[in-house]
Amino acid sequence: MPLIGTGDQGWSPPQMMESILNAAVSWINRGLQLRILKIVVRPEEVANSALKTFREIQKQYYEQSRDRIVSPGILSNASRREFDLFMSYCHTDSDAAQTIFSEIRQICPTARIFFDRESLPPGRSWLMHIAESLDNSKRVAAVYTPDYWNSAYCKDEFAAALARQNDTGEAVLFPIYFHSAQIPYLFRNLEYVDCRERDGHKLIGACRNLAQRLG
């Protein structure tokens, strides 16, 4: 793909190159049968800068892959978990999400929480970073509200967490029902903590319950 094809929003070619490579490696790790990745960069001085970035990232991935070699056996999924908790919420409900984040942080200061307002790094593909973090989180707190179930992104996060829960048999999802909503019938029987209607005291109780399950 041409480097400019990624969409120039003011990022430098090295930053764009890094995002492309990180995304490509992520998809390869997920099973994408990608044999050749061709990136075209012009003019020559920009290409030289991009090539330098390519070689630096290539070296980083080589060192990471070498460090992951263990014997005997292979690391379990649990040992690779990057986060204890992933916050899945609609941004219109950010006050509730912030309360959950702050309360969990107070109860479990060492908890590793993915909260997009604080966890998204600059210069990376935010969608890919969210996907990777979602896959590598022990628990997913889904904050049920009308806006949550009207959000395509939130429903994708929920579906991904539910798919992993069904595949692994682990209790991945921790739904917090914060405000009455039209939940699809397929998911209405899933266990949730009832904090309707926007009950702050019940929300604190839900946070304490969740904190106990992060241990």
Protein backbone atom coordinates (compact mmCIF):
# COMPACT_ATOMS: atom_id res chain seq x y z
CA MET A 1 0.00 0.00 0.00
CA PRO A 2 1.22 3.56 -0.58
CA LEU A 3 2.17 5.19 2.71
CA ILE A 4 -0.12 8.12 1.91
CA GLY A 5 -2.98 5.63 1.58
CA THR A 6 -3.14 5.35 5.34
CA GLY A 7 -4.55 8.86 5.53
CA ASP A 8 -2.21 11.74 6.33
CA GLN A 9 -3.57 13.53 9.40
CA GLY A 10 -0.37 15.31 10.26
CA TRP A 11 1.60 12.27 11.42
CA SER A 12 5.16 11.91 10.18
CA PRO A 13 6.06 9.04 7.79
CA PRO A 14 7.98 7.16 10.54
CA GLN A 15 4.91 7.30 12.81
CA MET A 16 2.68 6.10 9.98
CA MET A 17 5.14 3.33 9.15
CA GLU A 18 5.12 2.18 12.79
CA SER A 19 1.31 2.03 12.86
CA ILE A 20 1.16 0.04 9.60
CA LEU A 21 3.72 -2.50 10.80
CA ASN A 22 2.16 -2.91 14.24
CA ALA A 23 -1.25 -3.49 12.63
CA ALA A 24 0.19 -5.98 10.13
CA VAL A 25 2.01 -7.99 12.81
CA SER A 26 -1.13 -8.02 14.96
CA TRP A 27 -3.25 -9.43 12.14
CA ILE A 28 -0.57 -12.02 11.30
CA ASN A 29 -0.54 -13.12 14.94
CA ARG A 30 -4.32 -13.50 14.76
CA GLY A 31 -3.99 -15.94 11.84
CA LEU A 32 -4.11 -13.71 8.74
CA GLN A 33 -2.33 -15.56 5.94
CA LEU A 34 -0.24 -12.55 4.88
CA ARG A 35 2.81 -13.56 2.84
CA ILE A 36 4.07 -10.18 1.58
CA LEU A 37 3.60 -6.67 2.95
CA LYS A 38 4.60 -4.09 0.36
CA ILE A 39 4.79 -0.43 1.38
CA VAL A 40 5.62 2.22 -1.22
CA VAL A 41 7.21 5.44 0.05
CA ARG A 42 8.16 8.47 -2.06
CA PRO A 43 10.25 10.63 -2.44
CA GLU A 44 13.65 9.05 -1.70
CA GLU A 45 14.50 11.13 1.38
CA VAL A 46 11.17 10.17 2.97
CA ALA A 47 11.72 6.56 1.96
CA ASN A 48 15.10 6.53 3.71
CA SER A 49 13.52 7.82 6.91
CA ALA A 50 10.75 5.23 6.69
CA LEU A 51 13.29 2.46 6.03
CA LYS A 52 15.20 3.42 9.18
CA THR A 53 11.96 3.14 11.17
CA PHE A 54 11.22 -0.21 9.53
CA ARG A 55 14.59 -1.62 10.57
CA GLU A 56 14.21 -0.34 14.14
CA ILE A 57 10.78 -1.95 14.49
CA GLN A 58 12.03 -5.13 12.83
CA LYS A 59 14.77 -5.34 15.47
CA GLN A 60 12.26 -4.75 18.28
CA TYR A 61 10.00 -7.57 17.09
CA TYR A 62 12.97 -9.88 16.67
CA GLU A 63 14.10 -9.22 20.25
CA GLN A 64 10.56 -9.65 21.56
CA SER A 65 10.12 -12.97 19.76
CA ARG A 66 13.47 -14.19 21.10
CA ASP A 67 12.50 -13.22 24.67
CA ARG A 68 9.22 -15.15 24.36
CA ILE A 69 10.98 -18.45 23.75
CA VAL A 70 10.47 -20.51 26.90
CA SER A 71 11.09 -24.12 27.77
CA PRO A 72 9.37 -26.31 28.51
CA GLY A 73 5.89 -25.62 27.12
CA ILE A 74 4.17 -22.49 25.90
CA LEU A 75 2.92 -19.57 27.93
CA SER A 76 -0.73 -19.91 28.86
CA ASN A 77 -3.29 -17.30 27.80
CA ALA A 78 -3.63 -16.15 31.41
CA SER A 79 0.09 -15.43 31.68
CA ARG A 80 -0.11 -13.18 28.63
CA ARG A 81 -2.93 -11.02 29.96
CA GLU A 82 -1.87 -7.39 29.68
CA PHE A 83 -4.84 -5.96 31.60
CA ASP A 84 -6.96 -7.10 34.51
CA LEU A 85 -9.94 -5.06 33.33
CA PHE A 86 -11.17 -3.53 30.06
CA MET A 87 -13.70 -0.70 30.34
CA SER A 88 -16.38 -1.08 27.65
CA TYR A 89 -18.70 1.92 27.71
CA CYS A 90 -20.25 4.61 25.54
CA HIS A 91 -18.57 7.99 25.83
CA THR A 92 -21.89 9.64 26.69
CA ASP A 93 -21.70 7.56 29.90
CA SER A 94 -18.14 8.61 30.70
CA ASP A 95 -19.09 9.84 34.20
CA ALA A 96 -20.20 6.34 35.20
CA ALA A 97 -17.11 4.82 33.57
CA GLN A 98 -14.87 7.27 35.42
CA THR A 99 -16.55 6.32 38.71
CA ILE A 100 -15.92 2.63 38.04
CA PHE A 101 -12.32 3.28 37.04
CA SER A 102 -11.60 5.44 40.10
CA GLU A 103 -13.32 3.08 42.53
CA ILE A 104 -11.51 0.00 41.22
CA ARG A 105 -8.22 1.89 41.29
CA GLN A 106 -8.85 2.85 44.92
CA ILE A 107 -9.73 -0.72 45.97
CA CYS A 108 -7.02 -2.37 43.84
CA PRO A 109 -4.19 0.15 43.31
CA THR A 110 -2.16 -2.38 41.33
CA ALA A 111 -5.00 -3.36 38.97
CA ARG A 112 -4.11 -2.93 35.30
CA ILE A 113 -7.13 -1.23 33.74
CA PHE A 114 -7.65 -0.39 30.08
CA PHE A 115 -9.57 2.89 30.09
CA ASP A 116 -9.37 4.49 26.65
CA ARG A 117 -9.25 8.02 28.06
CA GLU A 118 -5.92 7.16 29.66
CA SER A 119 -4.65 4.05 27.89
CA LEU A 120 -4.58 4.89 24.17
CA PRO A 121 -1.02 5.78 23.07
CA PRO A 122 -0.47 8.50 20.45
CA GLY A 123 0.68 7.53 16.99
CA ARG A 124 -0.86 4.03 16.94
CA SER A 125 -3.93 2.62 15.26
CA TRP A 126 -6.50 3.17 18.01
CA LEU A 127 -8.87 0.50 16.66
CA MET A 128 -6.12 -2.13 16.56
CA HIS A 129 -4.88 -1.14 20.02
CA ILE A 130 -8.41 -1.47 21.43
CA ALA A 131 -8.83 -4.89 19.76
CA GLU A 132 -5.54 -6.17 21.17
CA SER A 133 -6.26 -4.79 24.64
CA LEU A 134 -9.75 -6.31 24.61
CA ASP A 135 -8.30 -9.73 23.75
CA ASN A 136 -5.66 -9.39 26.47
CA SER A 137 -7.88 -8.35 29.37
CA LYS A 138 -8.96 -10.77 32.09
CA ARG A 139 -12.35 -9.11 32.58
CA VAL A 140 -14.51 -6.79 30.49
CA ALA A 141 -16.85 -4.41 32.33
CA ALA A 142 -19.74 -3.60 29.98
CA VAL A 143 -21.77 -0.59 31.15
CA TYR A 144 -25.31 -1.19 29.87
CA THR A 145 -27.20 1.96 28.89
CA PRO A 146 -29.36 2.90 25.88
CA ASP A 147 -26.38 4.60 24.24
CA TYR A 148 -24.22 1.52 24.82
CA TRP A 149 -26.61 -0.69 22.88
CA ASN A 150 -26.97 1.93 20.15
CA SER A 151 -23.21 2.13 19.64
CA ALA A 152 -21.70 -0.08 16.94
CA TYR A 153 -18.29 0.06 18.64
CA CYS A 154 -19.69 -0.95 22.03
CA LYS A 155 -21.63 -3.84 20.52
CA ASP A 156 -18.47 -5.01 18.75
CA GLU A 157 -16.56 -4.95 22.06
CA PHE A 158 -19.37 -6.84 23.77
CA ALA A 159 -19.52 -9.45 21.00
CA ALA A 160 -15.75 -9.98 21.11
CA ALA A 161 -15.76 -10.44 24.89
CA LEU A 162 -18.73 -12.83 24.71
CA ALA A 163 -17.07 -14.85 21.95
CA ARG A 164 -13.93 -15.27 24.06
CA GLN A 165 -16.06 -16.19 27.08
CA ASN A 166 -17.84 -18.88 25.07
CA ASP A 167 -14.60 -20.16 23.55
CA THR A 168 -12.62 -20.37 26.78
CA GLY A 169 -15.31 -21.03 29.37
CA GLU A 170 -13.83 -18.20 31.46
CA ALA A 171 -16.04 -15.54 33.08
CA VAL A 172 -14.86 -12.67 30.89
CA LEU A 173 -17.89 -10.37 30.86
CA PHE A 174 -18.98 -8.37 33.89
CA PRO A 175 -22.07 -6.42 32.76
CA ILE A 176 -23.18 -3.47 34.87
CA TYR A 177 -26.78 -2.53 34.04
CA PHE A 178 -26.71 1.20 34.72
CA HIS A 179 -29.76 2.54 32.84
CA SER A 180 -32.75 0.73 31.31
CA ALA A 181 -32.15 -0.18 27.68
CA GLN A 182 -33.41 -2.42 24.90
CA ILE A 183 -31.00 -5.31 25.27
CA PRO A 184 -31.13 -7.84 22.40
CA TYR A 185 -33.10 -10.92 23.48
CA LEU A 186 -30.11 -13.16 22.80
CA PHE A 187 -28.18 -11.48 25.63
CA ARG A 188 -30.91 -10.79 28.19
CA ASN A 189 -30.22 -13.97 30.14
CA LEU A 190 -26.60 -13.07 30.80
CA GLU A 191 -25.93 -12.36 34.46
CA TYR A 192 -25.46 -8.67 35.29
CA VAL A 193 -25.24 -6.36 38.30
CA ASP A 194 -28.38 -4.23 38.43
CA CYS A 195 -27.61 -0.56 39.14
CA ARG A 196 -30.74 0.94 37.57
CA GLU A 197 -31.68 3.70 37.37
CA ARG A 198 -28.21 5.25 37.53
CA ASP A 199 -28.01 4.33 41.22
CA GLY A 200 -24.66 5.61 42.48
CA HIS A 201 -24.69 3.50 45.67
CA LYS A 202 -25.38 0.30 43.73
CA LEU A 203 -22.64 1.26 41.28
CA ILE A 204 -20.11 1.46 44.12
CA GLY A 205 -21.29 -1.96 45.29
CA ALA A 206 -20.82 -3.32 41.77
CA CYS A 207 -17.28 -1.95 41.76
CA ARG A 208 -16.47 -3.75 45.01
CA ASN A 209 -17.91 -6.96 43.60
CA LEU A 210 -15.85 -6.56 40.43
CA ALA A 211 -12.69 -5.75 42.37
CA GLN A 212 -12.97 -9.06 44.23
CA ARG A 213 -13.06 -10.92 40.91
CA LEU A 214 -9.91 -9.29 39.61
CA GLY A 215 -7.73 -11.01 42.16
